[in-house]
Structures are given as C-alpha cells and as structure tokens.
PDB file of all heavy atoms in Angstrom:
ATOM      1  N   SER A   1      30.583 -45.146  97.004  1.00  0.00           N
ATOM      2  CA  SER A   1      30.448 -44.796  98.459  1.00  0.00           C
ATOM      3  C   SER A   1      28.998 -44.420  98.770  1.00  0.00           C
ATOM      4  O   SER A   1      28.483 -44.822  99.801  1.00  0.00           O
ATOM      5  CB  SER A   1      31.430 -43.635  98.812  1.00  0.00           C
ATOM      6  OG  SER A   1      32.695 -43.980  98.666  1.00  0.00           O
ATOM      7  N   ALA A   2      28.394 -43.637  97.954  1.00  0.00           N
ATOM      8  CA  ALA A   2      26.970 -43.243  98.213  1.00  0.00           C
ATOM      9  C   ALA A   2      26.061 -44.424  98.161  1.00  0.00           C
ATOM     10  O   ALA A   2      25.157 -44.603  98.946  1.00  0.00           O
ATOM     11  CB  ALA A   2      26.542 -42.199  97.149  1.00  0.00           C
ATOM     12  N   ALA A   3      26.318 -45.329  97.245  1.00  0.00           N
ATOM     13  CA  ALA A   3      25.539 -46.625  97.077  1.00  0.00           C
ATOM     14  C   ALA A   3      25.619 -47.390  98.462  1.00  0.00           C
ATOM     15  O   ALA A   3      24.584 -47.945  98.985  1.00  0.00           O
ATOM     16  CB  ALA A   3      26.033 -47.464  95.997  1.00  0.00           C
ATOM     17  N   GLU A   4      26.768 -47.438  99.037  1.00  0.00           N
ATOM     18  CA  GLU A   4      26.978 -48.150 100.307  1.00  0.00           C
ATOM     19  C   GLU A   4      26.241 -47.353 101.459  1.00  0.00           C
ATOM     20  O   GLU A   4      25.535 -48.013 102.198  1.00  0.00           O
ATOM     21  CB  GLU A   4      28.465 -48.293 100.600  1.00  0.00           C
ATOM     22  CG  GLU A   4      28.701 -49.181 101.833  1.00  0.00           C
ATOM     23  CD  GLU A   4      30.170 -49.376 102.085  1.00  0.00           C
ATOM     24  OE1 GLU A   4      30.928 -49.375 101.078  1.00  0.00           O
ATOM     25  OE2 GLU A   4      30.540 -49.573 103.299  1.00  0.00           O
ATOM     26  N   ILE A   5      26.340 -46.076 101.478  1.00  0.00           N
ATOM     27  CA  ILE A   5      25.788 -45.295 102.509  1.00  0.00           C
ATOM     28  C   ILE A   5      24.288 -45.431 102.552  1.00  0.00           C
ATOM     29  O   ILE A   5      23.538 -45.507 103.496  1.00  0.00           O
ATOM     30  CB  ILE A   5      26.202 -43.771 102.426  1.00  0.00           C
ATOM     31  CG1 ILE A   5      27.706 -43.630 102.696  1.00  0.00           C
ATOM     32  CG2 ILE A   5      25.329 -42.908 103.300  1.00  0.00           C
ATOM     33  CD1 ILE A   5      28.320 -42.355 102.232  1.00  0.00           C
ATOM     34  N   TYR A   6      23.656 -45.400 101.313  1.00  0.00           N
ATOM     35  CA  TYR A   6      22.205 -45.339 101.122  1.00  0.00           C
ATOM     36  C   TYR A   6      21.652 -46.726 100.821  1.00  0.00           C
ATOM     37  O   TYR A   6      20.483 -46.856 100.492  1.00  0.00           O
ATOM     38  CB  TYR A   6      21.771 -44.327 100.115  1.00  0.00           C
ATOM     39  CG  TYR A   6      22.048 -42.980 100.569  1.00  0.00           C
ATOM     40  CD1 TYR A   6      23.237 -42.320 100.148  1.00  0.00           C
ATOM     41  CD2 TYR A   6      21.262 -42.247 101.412  1.00  0.00           C
ATOM     42  CE1 TYR A   6      23.506 -41.002 100.476  1.00  0.00           C
ATOM     43  CE2 TYR A   6      21.541 -40.998 101.864  1.00  0.00           C
ATOM     44  CZ  TYR A   6      22.653 -40.326 101.363  1.00  0.00           C
ATOM     45  OH  TYR A   6      22.935 -39.055 101.754  1.00  0.00           O
ATOM     46  N   SER A   7      22.431 -47.735 100.958  1.00  0.00           N
ATOM     47  CA  SER A   7      22.035 -49.177 100.725  1.00  0.00           C
ATOM     48  C   SER A   7      21.408 -49.294  99.281  1.00  0.00           C
ATOM     49  O   SER A   7      20.309 -49.894  99.212  1.00  0.00           O
ATOM     50  CB  SER A   7      21.134 -49.655 101.875  1.00  0.00           C
ATOM     51  OG  SER A   7      21.693 -49.569 103.061  1.00  0.00           O
ATOM     52  N   LEU A   8      22.149 -48.928  98.317  1.00  0.00           N
ATOM     53  CA  LEU A   8      21.631 -49.015  96.899  1.00  0.00           C
ATOM     54  C   LEU A   8      22.519 -50.047  96.181  1.00  0.00           C
ATOM     55  O   LEU A   8      23.701 -50.092  96.374  1.00  0.00           O
ATOM     56  CB  LEU A   8      21.763 -47.671  96.185  1.00  0.00           C
ATOM     57  CG  LEU A   8      20.975 -46.519  96.869  1.00  0.00           C
ATOM     58  CD1 LEU A   8      21.327 -45.202  96.207  1.00  0.00           C
ATOM     59  CD2 LEU A   8      19.518 -46.759  96.756  1.00  0.00           C
ATOM     60  N   GLY A   9      21.799 -50.829  95.392  1.00  0.00           N
ATOM     61  CA  GLY A   9      22.539 -51.684  94.430  1.00  0.00           C
ATOM     62  C   GLY A   9      22.680 -51.058  93.069  1.00  0.00           C
ATOM     63  O   GLY A   9      22.072 -50.062  92.829  1.00  0.00           O
ATOM     64  N   PRO A  10      23.532 -51.622  92.232  1.00  0.00           N
ATOM     65  CA  PRO A  10      23.737 -51.040  90.910  1.00  0.00           C
ATOM     66  C   PRO A  10      22.460 -50.808  90.143  1.00  0.00           C
ATOM     67  O   PRO A  10      22.268 -49.868  89.367  1.00  0.00           O
ATOM     68  CB  PRO A  10      24.692 -52.030  90.178  1.00  0.00           C
ATOM     69  CG  PRO A  10      25.358 -52.721  91.300  1.00  0.00           C
ATOM     70  CD  PRO A  10      24.290 -52.773  92.426  1.00  0.00           C
ATOM     71  N   GLU A  11      21.484 -51.691  90.277  1.00  0.00           N
ATOM     72  CA  GLU A  11      20.228 -51.620  89.577  1.00  0.00           C
ATOM     73  C   GLU A  11      19.353 -50.449  90.057  1.00  0.00           C
ATOM     74  O   GLU A  11      18.459 -50.034  89.339  1.00  0.00           O
ATOM     75  CB  GLU A  11      19.422 -52.926  89.724  1.00  0.00           C
ATOM     76  CG  GLU A  11      18.899 -53.239  91.083  1.00  0.00           C
ATOM     77  CD  GLU A  11      19.995 -53.879  92.033  1.00  0.00           C
ATOM     78  OE1 GLU A  11      21.123 -54.088  91.636  1.00  0.00           O
ATOM     79  OE2 GLU A  11      19.628 -54.106  93.168  1.00  0.00           O
ATOM     80  N   ASP A  12      19.633 -49.842  91.224  1.00  0.00           N
ATOM     81  CA  ASP A  12      19.039 -48.672  91.773  1.00  0.00           C
ATOM     82  C   ASP A  12      19.644 -47.286  91.247  1.00  0.00           C
ATOM     83  O   ASP A  12      19.067 -46.270  91.526  1.00  0.00           O
ATOM     84  CB  ASP A  12      19.052 -48.684  93.317  1.00  0.00           C
ATOM     85  CG  ASP A  12      18.441 -49.979  93.867  1.00  0.00           C
ATOM     86  OD1 ASP A  12      17.366 -50.367  93.382  1.00  0.00           O
ATOM     87  OD2 ASP A  12      18.970 -50.510  94.786  1.00  0.00           O
ATOM     88  N   ILE A  13      20.758 -47.442  90.642  1.00  0.00           N
ATOM     89  CA  ILE A  13      21.513 -46.217  90.255  1.00  0.00           C
ATOM     90  C   ILE A  13      21.206 -45.746  88.800  1.00  0.00           C
ATOM     91  O   ILE A  13      21.282 -46.576  87.945  1.00  0.00           O
ATOM     92  CB  ILE A  13      23.034 -46.458  90.493  1.00  0.00           C
ATOM     93  CG1 ILE A  13      23.250 -46.778  92.029  1.00  0.00           C
ATOM     94  CG2 ILE A  13      23.889 -45.296  90.031  1.00  0.00           C
ATOM     95  CD1 ILE A  13      24.579 -47.226  92.292  1.00  0.00           C
ATOM     96  N   TYR A  14      21.059 -44.506  88.657  1.00  0.00           N
ATOM     97  CA  TYR A  14      20.870 -43.887  87.308  1.00  0.00           C
ATOM     98  C   TYR A  14      22.092 -42.906  87.197  1.00  0.00           C
ATOM     99  O   TYR A  14      22.288 -42.063  88.012  1.00  0.00           O
ATOM    100  CB  TYR A  14      19.582 -43.124  87.263  1.00  0.00           C
ATOM    101  CG  TYR A  14      18.387 -43.938  87.188  1.00  0.00           C
ATOM    102  CD1 TYR A  14      17.882 -44.659  88.266  1.00  0.00           C
ATOM    103  CD2 TYR A  14      17.719 -44.036  85.925  1.00  0.00           C
ATOM    104  CE1 TYR A  14      16.821 -45.484  88.135  1.00  0.00           C
ATOM    105  CE2 TYR A  14      16.576 -44.882  85.859  1.00  0.00           C
ATOM    106  CZ  TYR A  14      16.144 -45.507  86.968  1.00  0.00           C
ATOM    107  OH  TYR A  14      14.987 -46.376  86.839  1.00  0.00           O
ATOM    108  N   LEU A  15      22.805 -43.078  86.116  1.00  0.00           N
ATOM    109  CA  LEU A  15      23.915 -42.303  85.785  1.00  0.00           C
ATOM    110  C   LEU A  15      23.495 -41.277  84.555  1.00  0.00           C
ATOM    111  O   LEU A  15      22.902 -41.697  83.703  1.00  0.00           O
ATOM    112  CB  LEU A  15      25.110 -43.081  85.259  1.00  0.00           C
ATOM    113  CG  LEU A  15      25.678 -44.184  86.168  1.00  0.00           C
ATOM    114  CD1 LEU A  15      26.793 -44.898  85.449  1.00  0.00           C
ATOM    115  CD2 LEU A  15      26.074 -43.578  87.444  1.00  0.00           C
ATOM    116  N   VAL A  16      23.800 -39.973  84.827  1.00  0.00           N
ATOM    117  CA  VAL A  16      23.496 -38.989  83.804  1.00  0.00           C
ATOM    118  C   VAL A  16      24.770 -38.506  83.317  1.00  0.00           C
ATOM    119  O   VAL A  16      25.620 -37.992  84.149  1.00  0.00           O
ATOM    120  CB  VAL A  16      22.632 -37.842  84.358  1.00  0.00           C
ATOM    121  CG1 VAL A  16      22.320 -36.793  83.319  1.00  0.00           C
ATOM    122  CG2 VAL A  16      21.308 -38.341  85.108  1.00  0.00           C
ATOM    123  N   HIS A  17      25.049 -38.609  82.005  1.00  0.00           N
ATOM    124  CA  HIS A  17      26.406 -38.218  81.492  1.00  0.00           C
ATOM    125  C   HIS A  17      26.316 -37.869  80.104  1.00  0.00           C
ATOM    126  O   HIS A  17      25.320 -38.095  79.359  1.00  0.00           O
ATOM    127  CB  HIS A  17      27.379 -39.447  81.685  1.00  0.00           C
ATOM    128  CG  HIS A  17      27.027 -40.679  80.912  1.00  0.00           C
ATOM    129  ND1 HIS A  17      27.428 -40.811  79.563  1.00  0.00           N
ATOM    130  CD2 HIS A  17      26.282 -41.726  81.198  1.00  0.00           C
ATOM    131  CE1 HIS A  17      26.984 -41.977  79.155  1.00  0.00           C
ATOM    132  NE2 HIS A  17      26.327 -42.600  80.176  1.00  0.00           N
ATOM    133  N   ASP A  18      27.447 -37.180  79.648  1.00  0.00           N
ATOM    134  CA  ASP A  18      27.591 -36.727  78.329  1.00  0.00           C
ATOM    135  C   ASP A  18      27.849 -37.878  77.334  1.00  0.00           C
ATOM    136  O   ASP A  18      28.363 -38.933  77.822  1.00  0.00           O
ATOM    137  CB  ASP A  18      28.720 -35.703  78.194  1.00  0.00           C
ATOM    138  CG  ASP A  18      30.055 -36.369  78.543  1.00  0.00           C
ATOM    139  OD1 ASP A  18      30.242 -36.659  79.698  1.00  0.00           O
ATOM    140  OD2 ASP A  18      30.868 -36.474  77.608  1.00  0.00           O
ATOM    141  N   ASP A  19      27.533 -37.709  76.083  1.00  0.00           N
ATOM    142  CA  ASP A  19      27.789 -38.721  75.017  1.00  0.00           C
ATOM    143  C   ASP A  19      28.205 -38.078  73.760  1.00  0.00           C
ATOM    144  O   ASP A  19      27.455 -37.316  73.166  1.00  0.00           O
ATOM    145  CB  ASP A  19      26.538 -39.523  74.807  1.00  0.00           C
ATOM    146  CG  ASP A  19      26.756 -40.735  73.896  1.00  0.00           C
ATOM    147  OD1 ASP A  19      27.643 -40.711  73.050  1.00  0.00           O
ATOM    148  OD2 ASP A  19      26.011 -41.736  74.128  1.00  0.00           O
ATOM    149  N   LEU A  20      29.460 -38.221  73.471  1.00  0.00           N
ATOM    150  CA  LEU A  20      30.099 -37.599  72.262  1.00  0.00           C
ATOM    151  C   LEU A  20      29.444 -38.169  70.950  1.00  0.00           C
ATOM    152  O   LEU A  20      29.472 -37.447  69.951  1.00  0.00           O
ATOM    153  CB  LEU A  20      31.579 -37.847  72.197  1.00  0.00           C
ATOM    154  CG  LEU A  20      32.523 -37.041  73.071  1.00  0.00           C
ATOM    155  CD1 LEU A  20      33.941 -37.730  73.068  1.00  0.00           C
ATOM    156  CD2 LEU A  20      32.586 -35.672  72.520  1.00  0.00           C
ATOM    157  N   ASP A  21      28.971 -39.324  71.015  1.00  0.00           N
ATOM    158  CA  ASP A  21      28.430 -40.006  69.767  1.00  0.00           C
ATOM    159  C   ASP A  21      26.947 -39.635  69.466  1.00  0.00           C
ATOM    160  O   ASP A  21      26.465 -40.055  68.411  1.00  0.00           O
ATOM    161  CB  ASP A  21      28.544 -41.480  69.839  1.00  0.00           C
ATOM    162  CG  ASP A  21      30.045 -41.960  69.888  1.00  0.00           C
ATOM    163  OD1 ASP A  21      30.841 -41.280  69.237  1.00  0.00           O
ATOM    164  OD2 ASP A  21      30.324 -42.977  70.554  1.00  0.00           O
ATOM    165  N   LYS A  22      26.414 -38.848  70.341  1.00  0.00           N
ATOM    166  CA  LYS A  22      24.994 -38.377  70.104  1.00  0.00           C
ATOM    167  C   LYS A  22      25.089 -36.893  69.764  1.00  0.00           C
ATOM    168  O   LYS A  22      25.903 -36.144  70.258  1.00  0.00           O
ATOM    169  CB  LYS A  22      24.152 -38.502  71.361  1.00  0.00           C
ATOM    170  CG  LYS A  22      23.918 -39.893  71.758  1.00  0.00           C
ATOM    171  CD  LYS A  22      22.569 -40.098  72.413  1.00  0.00           C
ATOM    172  CE  LYS A  22      21.850 -41.322  72.076  1.00  0.00           C
ATOM    173  NZ  LYS A  22      21.903 -41.772  70.820  1.00  0.00           N
ATOM    174  N   ALA A  23      24.198 -36.536  68.818  1.00  0.00           N
ATOM    175  CA  ALA A  23      24.056 -35.114  68.398  1.00  0.00           C
ATOM    176  C   ALA A  23      23.768 -34.238  69.618  1.00  0.00           C
ATOM    177  O   ALA A  23      23.043 -34.703  70.544  1.00  0.00           O
ATOM    178  CB  ALA A  23      23.013 -34.875  67.353  1.00  0.00           C
ATOM    179  N   LEU A  24      24.248 -32.978  69.601  1.00  0.00           N
ATOM    180  CA  LEU A  24      23.949 -32.072  70.665  1.00  0.00           C
ATOM    181  C   LEU A  24      22.541 -31.958  71.028  1.00  0.00           C
ATOM    182  O   LEU A  24      21.634 -31.735  70.140  1.00  0.00           O
ATOM    183  CB  LEU A  24      24.513 -30.684  70.286  1.00  0.00           C
ATOM    184  CG  LEU A  24      24.392 -29.559  71.353  1.00  0.00           C
ATOM    185  CD1 LEU A  24      25.178 -29.888  72.540  1.00  0.00           C
ATOM    186  CD2 LEU A  24      24.809 -28.260  70.748  1.00  0.00           C
ATOM    187  N   GLY A  25      22.227 -32.266  72.309  1.00  0.00           N
ATOM    188  CA  GLY A  25      20.810 -32.142  72.770  1.00  0.00           C
ATOM    189  C   GLY A  25      20.010 -33.449  72.697  1.00  0.00           C
ATOM    190  O   GLY A  25      18.967 -33.513  73.307  1.00  0.00           O
ATOM    191  N   LYS A  26      20.469 -34.437  71.944  1.00  0.00           N
ATOM    192  CA  LYS A  26      19.683 -35.677  71.859  1.00  0.00           C
ATOM    193  C   LYS A  26      20.048 -36.463  73.117  1.00  0.00           C
ATOM    194  O   LYS A  26      21.008 -36.385  73.700  1.00  0.00           O
ATOM    195  CB  LYS A  26      20.179 -36.478  70.616  1.00  0.00           C
ATOM    196  CG  LYS A  26      19.904 -35.824  69.342  1.00  0.00           C
ATOM    197  CD  LYS A  26      18.482 -35.756  69.038  1.00  0.00           C
ATOM    198  CE  LYS A  26      18.139 -35.050  67.680  1.00  0.00           C
ATOM    199  NZ  LYS A  26      16.780 -34.872  67.398  1.00  0.00           N
ATOM    200  N   VAL A  27      18.952 -37.216  73.509  1.00  0.00           N
ATOM    201  CA  VAL A  27      19.122 -38.034  74.737  1.00  0.00           C
ATOM    202  C   VAL A  27      18.708 -39.504  74.439  1.00  0.00           C
ATOM    203  O   VAL A  27      17.971 -39.748  73.504  1.00  0.00           O
ATOM    204  CB  VAL A  27      18.211 -37.466  75.938  1.00  0.00           C
ATOM    205  CG1 VAL A  27      18.733 -36.094  76.316  1.00  0.00           C
ATOM    206  CG2 VAL A  27      16.779 -37.451  75.540  1.00  0.00           C
ATOM    207  N   ALA A  28      19.193 -40.414  75.266  1.00  0.00           N
ATOM    208  CA  ALA A  28      18.843 -41.762  75.134  1.00  0.00           C
ATOM    209  C   ALA A  28      19.040 -42.419  76.541  1.00  0.00           C
ATOM    210  O   ALA A  28      19.847 -42.014  77.334  1.00  0.00           O
ATOM    211  CB  ALA A  28      19.759 -42.486  74.152  1.00  0.00           C
ATOM    212  N   ILE A  29      18.245 -43.412  76.783  1.00  0.00           N
ATOM    213  CA  ILE A  29      18.372 -44.219  78.021  1.00  0.00           C
ATOM    214  C   ILE A  29      18.884 -45.553  77.652  1.00  0.00           C
ATOM    215  O   ILE A  29      18.418 -46.151  76.680  1.00  0.00           O
ATOM    216  CB  ILE A  29      16.920 -44.310  78.670  1.00  0.00           C
ATOM    217  CG1 ILE A  29      16.529 -42.920  79.187  1.00  0.00           C
ATOM    218  CG2 ILE A  29      17.028 -45.299  79.911  1.00  0.00           C
ATOM    219  CD1 ILE A  29      15.151 -42.989  79.884  1.00  0.00           C
ATOM    220  N   LYS A  30      19.836 -45.976  78.416  1.00  0.00           N
ATOM    221  CA  LYS A  30      20.451 -47.292  78.217  1.00  0.00           C
ATOM    222  C   LYS A  30      20.506 -48.101  79.584  1.00  0.00           C
ATOM    223  O   LYS A  30      20.866 -47.460  80.563  1.00  0.00           O
ATOM    224  CB  LYS A  30      21.880 -47.070  77.642  1.00  0.00           C
ATOM    225  CG  LYS A  30      22.727 -48.289  77.433  1.00  0.00           C
ATOM    226  CD  LYS A  30      24.063 -47.900  76.893  1.00  0.00           C
ATOM    227  CE  LYS A  30      24.762 -49.023  76.278  1.00  0.00           C
ATOM    228  NZ  LYS A  30      25.571 -49.886  76.680  1.00  0.00           N
ATOM    229  N   LEU A  31      20.212 -49.316  79.481  1.00  0.00           N
ATOM    230  CA  LEU A  31      20.339 -50.150  80.691  1.00  0.00           C
ATOM    231  C   LEU A  31      21.494 -51.037  80.509  1.00  0.00           C
ATOM    232  O   LEU A  31      21.561 -51.916  79.577  1.00  0.00           O
ATOM    233  CB  LEU A  31      19.007 -50.954  80.899  1.00  0.00           C
ATOM    234  CG  LEU A  31      19.046 -52.009  82.019  1.00  0.00           C
ATOM    235  CD1 LEU A  31      19.341 -51.290  83.366  1.00  0.00           C
ATOM    236  CD2 LEU A  31      17.804 -52.769  82.101  1.00  0.00           C
ATOM    237  N   GLY A  32      22.486 -50.915  81.418  1.00  0.00           N
ATOM    238  CA  GLY A  32      23.661 -51.772  81.365  1.00  0.00           C
ATOM    239  C   GLY A  32      24.535 -51.643  80.188  1.00  0.00           C
ATOM    240  O   GLY A  32      24.472 -50.663  79.434  1.00  0.00           O
ATOM    241  N   GLY A  33      25.367 -52.611  79.989  1.00  0.00           N
ATOM    242  CA  GLY A  33      26.294 -52.623  78.890  1.00  0.00           C
ATOM    243  C   GLY A  33      27.660 -51.992  79.190  1.00  0.00           C
ATOM    244  O   GLY A  33      27.958 -51.616  80.380  1.00  0.00           O
ATOM    245  N   SER A  34      28.418 -51.812  78.168  1.00  0.00           N
ATOM    246  CA  SER A  34      29.762 -51.298  78.358  1.00  0.00           C
ATOM    247  C   SER A  34      29.726 -49.815  78.515  1.00  0.00           C
ATOM    248  O   SER A  34      28.745 -49.106  78.337  1.00  0.00           O
ATOM    249  CB  SER A  34      30.627 -51.692  77.127  1.00  0.00           C
ATOM    250  OG  SER A  34      30.280 -50.812  76.028  1.00  0.00           O
ATOM    251  N   ALA A  35      30.926 -49.282  78.915  1.00  0.00           N
ATOM    252  CA  ALA A  35      31.091 -47.830  79.071  1.00  0.00           C
ATOM    253  C   ALA A  35      31.168 -47.137  77.751  1.00  0.00           C
ATOM    254  O   ALA A  35      31.015 -45.857  77.770  1.00  0.00           O
ATOM    255  CB  ALA A  35      32.279 -47.592  79.943  1.00  0.00           C
ATOM    256  N   ARG A  36      31.409 -47.776  76.699  1.00  0.00           N
ATOM    257  CA  ARG A  36      31.578 -47.165  75.385  1.00  0.00           C
ATOM    258  C   ARG A  36      32.621 -46.066  75.347  1.00  0.00           C
ATOM    259  O   ARG A  36      32.363 -45.031  74.732  1.00  0.00           O
ATOM    260  CB  ARG A  36      30.268 -46.706  74.758  1.00  0.00           C
ATOM    261  CG  ARG A  36      29.219 -47.779  74.661  1.00  0.00           C
ATOM    262  CD  ARG A  36      27.929 -47.319  74.201  1.00  0.00           C
ATOM    263  NE  ARG A  36      28.105 -46.663  72.939  1.00  0.00           N
ATOM    264  CZ  ARG A  36      27.168 -46.221  72.215  1.00  0.00           C
ATOM    265  NH1 ARG A  36      25.890 -46.433  72.499  1.00  0.00           N
ATOM    266  NH2 ARG A  36      27.381 -45.547  71.081  1.00  0.00           N
ATOM    267  N   GLY A  37      33.690 -46.230  76.044  1.00  0.00           N
ATOM    268  CA  GLY A  37      34.745 -45.342  76.108  1.00  0.00           C
ATOM    269  C   GLY A  37      34.595 -44.168  77.037  1.00  0.00           C
ATOM    270  O   GLY A  37      35.397 -43.243  77.109  1.00  0.00           O
ATOM    271  N   HIS A  38      33.544 -44.091  77.774  1.00  0.00           N
ATOM    272  CA  HIS A  38      33.321 -42.966  78.712  1.00  0.00           C
ATOM    273  C   HIS A  38      33.979 -43.271  80.006  1.00  0.00           C
ATOM    274  O   HIS A  38      33.661 -44.198  80.789  1.00  0.00           O
ATOM    275  CB  HIS A  38      31.815 -42.803  78.951  1.00  0.00           C
ATOM    276  CG  HIS A  38      31.461 -41.557  79.651  1.00  0.00           C
ATOM    277  ND1 HIS A  38      31.673 -41.303  80.964  1.00  0.00           N
ATOM    278  CD2 HIS A  38      30.938 -40.381  79.117  1.00  0.00           C
ATOM    279  CE1 HIS A  38      31.311 -40.067  81.257  1.00  0.00           C
ATOM    280  NE2 HIS A  38      30.855 -39.450  80.126  1.00  0.00           N
ATOM    281  N   ASN A  39      34.956 -42.434  80.390  1.00  0.00           N
ATOM    282  CA  ASN A  39      35.782 -42.708  81.624  1.00  0.00           C
ATOM    283  C   ASN A  39      34.959 -42.639  82.892  1.00  0.00           C
ATOM    284  O   ASN A  39      35.264 -43.329  83.762  1.00  0.00           O
ATOM    285  CB  ASN A  39      36.946 -41.679  81.696  1.00  0.00           C
ATOM    286  CG  ASN A  39      37.962 -41.948  80.607  1.00  0.00           C
ATOM    287  OD1 ASN A  39      38.137 -43.090  80.167  1.00  0.00           O
ATOM    288  ND2 ASN A  39      38.730 -40.941  80.269  1.00  0.00           N
ATOM    289  N   GLY A  40      34.014 -41.723  82.946  1.00  0.00           N
ATOM    290  CA  GLY A  40      33.172 -41.633  84.223  1.00  0.00           C
ATOM    291  C   GLY A  40      32.347 -42.907  84.296  1.00  0.00           C
ATOM    292  O   GLY A  40      32.150 -43.379  85.565  1.00  0.00           O
ATOM    293  N   VAL A  41      31.719 -43.396  83.246  1.00  0.00           N
ATOM    294  CA  VAL A  41      30.868 -44.573  83.412  1.00  0.00           C
ATOM    295  C   VAL A  41      31.852 -45.794  83.669  1.00  0.00           C
ATOM    296  O   VAL A  41      31.422 -46.625  84.555  1.00  0.00           O
ATOM    297  CB  VAL A  41      30.111 -44.799  82.075  1.00  0.00           C
ATOM    298  CG1 VAL A  41      29.437 -46.177  82.080  1.00  0.00           C
ATOM    299  CG2 VAL A  41      29.108 -43.700  81.762  1.00  0.00           C
ATOM    300  N   GLN A  42      32.960 -45.862  83.043  1.00  0.00           N
ATOM    301  CA  GLN A  42      33.900 -46.955  83.397  1.00  0.00           C
ATOM    302  C   GLN A  42      34.353 -46.929  84.811  1.00  0.00           C
ATOM    303  O   GLN A  42      34.407 -48.022  85.424  1.00  0.00           O
ATOM    304  CB  GLN A  42      35.121 -46.885  82.449  1.00  0.00           C
ATOM    305  CG  GLN A  42      36.086 -48.066  82.570  1.00  0.00           C
ATOM    306  CD  GLN A  42      35.354 -49.347  82.135  1.00  0.00           C
ATOM    307  OE1 GLN A  42      34.863 -49.442  81.048  1.00  0.00           O
ATOM    308  NE2 GLN A  42      35.330 -50.399  83.027  1.00  0.00           N
ATOM    309  N   SER A  43      34.515 -45.769  85.321  1.00  0.00           N
ATOM    310  CA  SER A  43      34.811 -45.612  86.784  1.00  0.00           C
ATOM    311  C   SER A  43      33.734 -46.163  87.635  1.00  0.00           C
ATOM    312  O   SER A  43      33.963 -46.902  88.706  1.00  0.00           O
ATOM    313  CB  SER A  43      35.130 -44.141  87.138  1.00  0.00           C
ATOM    314  OG  SER A  43      35.340 -43.965  88.517  1.00  0.00           O
ATOM    315  N   CYS A  44      32.571 -45.944  87.254  1.00  0.00           N
ATOM    316  CA  CYS A  44      31.386 -46.443  88.054  1.00  0.00           C
ATOM    317  C   CYS A  44      31.300 -47.893  88.001  1.00  0.00           C
ATOM    318  O   CYS A  44      31.040 -48.595  88.933  1.00  0.00           O
ATOM    319  CB  CYS A  44      30.075 -45.790  87.541  1.00  0.00           C
ATOM    320  SG  CYS A  44      30.003 -44.002  87.887  1.00  0.00           S
TER     321      CYS A  44
END
C-alpha cells in the first residue's frame, strides 16, 4: 500500500528484518531471492 501511495517499485524498497540463521547482532544485505522461510518477507 505504501509503495502505491509513494509511487515506489519493488527495487526502491528496503526491508529490514530478523534472521534466525544469523548469529545475534550479525547483519547482511541481500538483493532479491527467496524469503528463506521468513513470513514477513514472503508477505512482501
């Protein structure tokens, strides 16, 4: 809905979310791909 309101395409969107498979506090950036079992990412 926000993407439509602000005229954004998927390539303009950054999702910030938790990752069970990464050690506590570690971060990674990923472009595209599957949700890897994350329900919030799958919803997006």
